[in-house]
Amino acid sequence: MSLLEDFQIQRMVEGPAFSIYVRGNCIGVVAGASQSSTGLMTEQGLSYLIWRDGAPYLAAKGVETPATPEQVETIRQFSQDLNTALCT
C-alpha cells in the first residue's frame, strides 16, 4: 500500500507539467517535485485559503468568503498529508 492510499488521497491527473490529487473536497495541484497549491471545492468552485488582516478566507474566482476553523484545519491537514505522502 502506498502512502497516498494510507492518507486516502487519490491521484486524479498525472501530466508532464503537474499532477492533481484529491481527498474528499480537497484538491492539491503539484508541479514538478514541489507542492504548488491546495484548496477546497466549494459552491463557488475551487477555493484557496488566503489570509487577510489575520483572518482566513476562501478565495474563488472573484469571490472571497470567510473560512471556518474546520475548513482551515481540513486544508491544513490535507496539505500536510499530501506533502508527507509525496516527500517520503
C-alpha atoms as a PDB file:
ATOM      1  CA  MET A   1       0.000   0.000   0.000  1.00  0.00           C
ATOM      2  CA  SER A   2       1.345   3.466  -0.877  1.00  0.00           C
ATOM      3  CA  LEU A   3       1.423   6.488   1.402  1.00  0.00           C
ATOM      4  CA  LEU A   4      -1.175   8.148  -0.821  1.00  0.00           C
ATOM      5  CA  GLU A   5      -3.516   5.241  -0.111  1.00  0.00           C
ATOM      6  CA  ASP A   6      -2.631   5.368   3.594  1.00  0.00           C
ATOM      7  CA  PHE A   7      -3.775   9.015   3.630  1.00  0.00           C
ATOM      8  CA  GLN A   8      -6.808   8.222   1.410  1.00  0.00           C
ATOM      9  CA  ILE A   9      -5.502  10.564  -1.302  1.00  0.00           C
ATOM     10  CA  GLN A  10      -6.114   9.767  -4.961  1.00  0.00           C
ATOM     11  CA  ARG A  11      -4.066  10.947  -7.928  1.00  0.00           C
ATOM     12  CA  MET A  12      -6.666  12.168 -10.424  1.00  0.00           C
ATOM     13  CA  VAL A  13      -4.409  13.617 -13.145  1.00  0.00           C
ATOM     14  CA  GLU A  14      -0.758  12.974 -13.868  1.00  0.00           C
ATOM     15  CA  GLY A  15       0.862  15.028 -16.566  1.00  0.00           C
ATOM     16  CA  PRO A  16       4.270  16.293 -17.601  1.00  0.00           C
ATOM     17  CA  ALA A  17       3.774  19.728 -16.025  1.00  0.00           C
ATOM     18  CA  PHE A  18       1.603  18.954 -12.983  1.00  0.00           C
ATOM     19  CA  SER A  19      -0.442  16.334 -11.139  1.00  0.00           C
ATOM     20  CA  ILE A  20      -3.766  16.730  -9.327  1.00  0.00           C
ATOM     21  CA  TYR A  21      -4.566  14.923  -6.069  1.00  0.00           C
ATOM     22  CA  VAL A  22      -7.885  14.766  -4.214  1.00  0.00           C
ATOM     23  CA  ARG A  23      -9.310  13.673  -0.883  1.00  0.00           C
ATOM     24  CA  GLY A  24     -12.925  14.458  -0.135  1.00  0.00           C
ATOM     25  CA  ASN A  25     -13.462  18.047  -1.222  1.00  0.00           C
ATOM     26  CA  CYS A  26      -9.743  18.950  -1.046  1.00  0.00           C
ATOM     27  CA  ILE A  27      -7.627  19.334  -4.173  1.00  0.00           C
ATOM     28  CA  GLY A  28      -3.863  19.656  -4.495  1.00  0.00           C
ATOM     29  CA  VAL A  29      -2.053  20.751  -7.656  1.00  0.00           C
ATOM     30  CA  VAL A  30       1.576  19.669  -7.650  1.00  0.00           C
ATOM     31  CA  ALA A  31       4.057  20.988 -10.190  1.00  0.00           C
ATOM     32  CA  GLY A  32       7.293  19.073 -10.536  1.00  0.00           C
ATOM     33  CA  ALA A  33       8.754  17.971  -7.209  1.00  0.00           C
ATOM     34  CA  SER A  34       7.106  20.676  -5.086  1.00  0.00           C
ATOM     35  CA  GLN A  35       3.533  21.130  -3.941  1.00  0.00           C
ATOM     36  CA  SER A  36       2.266  24.294  -5.542  1.00  0.00           C
ATOM     37  CA  SER A  37      -1.209  24.765  -4.067  1.00  0.00           C
ATOM     38  CA  THR A  38      -4.089  23.132  -2.233  1.00  0.00           C
ATOM     39  CA  GLY A  39      -7.679  24.211  -1.985  1.00  0.00           C
ATOM     40  CA  LEU A  40     -11.226  23.214  -1.227  1.00  0.00           C
ATOM     41  CA  MET A  41     -14.123  22.641  -3.618  1.00  0.00           C
ATOM     42  CA  THR A  42     -16.975  24.954  -2.625  1.00  0.00           C
ATOM     43  CA  GLU A  43     -20.213  26.143  -4.203  1.00  0.00           C
ATOM     44  CA  GLN A  44     -18.124  28.838  -5.932  1.00  0.00           C
ATOM     45  CA  GLY A  45     -15.687  26.276  -7.370  1.00  0.00           C
ATOM     46  CA  LEU A  46     -12.095  25.630  -6.323  1.00  0.00           C
ATOM     47  CA  SER A  47     -11.285  27.983  -3.444  1.00  0.00           C
ATOM     48  CA  TYR A  48      -7.869  28.679  -1.995  1.00  0.00           C
ATOM     49  CA  LEU A  49      -7.181  29.615   1.603  1.00  0.00           C
ATOM     50  CA  ILE A  50      -5.872  33.154   1.952  1.00  0.00           C
ATOM     51  CA  TRP A  51      -5.290  35.388   4.960  1.00  0.00           C
ATOM     52  CA  ARG A  52      -6.438  38.990   5.019  1.00  0.00           C
ATOM     53  CA  ASP A  53      -5.844  41.153   8.101  1.00  0.00           C
ATOM     54  CA  GLY A  54      -5.166  37.998  10.119  1.00  0.00           C
ATOM     55  CA  ALA A  55      -8.463  36.349   9.163  1.00  0.00           C
ATOM     56  CA  PRO A  56      -8.823  33.267   6.927  1.00  0.00           C
ATOM     57  CA  TYR A  57     -10.847  33.455   3.711  1.00  0.00           C
ATOM     58  CA  LEU A  58     -11.651  31.056   0.901  1.00  0.00           C
ATOM     59  CA  ALA A  59     -10.947  32.784  -2.400  1.00  0.00           C
ATOM     60  CA  ALA A  60     -12.548  31.524  -5.607  1.00  0.00           C
ATOM     61  CA  LYS A  61     -12.771  33.298  -8.942  1.00  0.00           C
ATOM     62  CA  GLY A  62     -13.959  36.778  -7.990  1.00  0.00           C
ATOM     63  CA  VAL A  63     -15.402  35.716  -4.609  1.00  0.00           C
ATOM     64  CA  GLU A  64     -13.993  35.664  -1.080  1.00  0.00           C
ATOM     65  CA  THR A  65     -15.879  34.161   1.848  1.00  0.00           C
ATOM     66  CA  PRO A  66     -14.769  33.810   5.469  1.00  0.00           C
ATOM     67  CA  ALA A  67     -13.285  30.371   6.144  1.00  0.00           C
ATOM     68  CA  THR A  68     -14.454  28.407   9.147  1.00  0.00           C
ATOM     69  CA  PRO A  69     -11.912  26.942  11.575  1.00  0.00           C
ATOM     70  CA  GLU A  70     -12.937  23.494  10.285  1.00  0.00           C
ATOM     71  CA  GLN A  71     -12.194  24.476   6.677  1.00  0.00           C
ATOM     72  CA  VAL A  72      -8.817  25.902   7.672  1.00  0.00           C
ATOM     73  CA  GLU A  73      -7.953  22.677   9.520  1.00  0.00           C
ATOM     74  CA  THR A  74      -9.186  20.487   6.643  1.00  0.00           C
ATOM     75  CA  ILE A  75      -6.963  22.287   4.143  1.00  0.00           C
ATOM     76  CA  ARG A  76      -4.012  22.347   6.550  1.00  0.00           C
ATOM     77  CA  GLN A  77      -4.282  18.609   7.259  1.00  0.00           C
ATOM     78  CA  PHE A  78      -4.674  17.719   3.577  1.00  0.00           C
ATOM     79  CA  SER A  79      -1.642  19.850   2.661  1.00  0.00           C
ATOM     80  CA  GLN A  80       0.427  18.206   5.380  1.00  0.00           C
ATOM     81  CA  ASP A  81      -0.683  14.676   4.445  1.00  0.00           C
ATOM     82  CA  LEU A  82      -0.075  15.272   0.724  1.00  0.00           C
ATOM     83  CA  ASN A  83       3.375  16.696   1.407  1.00  0.00           C
ATOM     84  CA  THR A  84       4.230  13.730   3.645  1.00  0.00           C
ATOM     85  CA  ALA A  85       2.989  11.197   1.079  1.00  0.00           C
ATOM     86  CA  LEU A  86       4.921  12.764  -1.786  1.00  0.00           C
ATOM     87  CA  CYS A  87       8.160  13.539   0.041  1.00  0.00           C
ATOM     88  CA  THR A  88       8.640  10.231   1.855  1.00  0.00           C
END
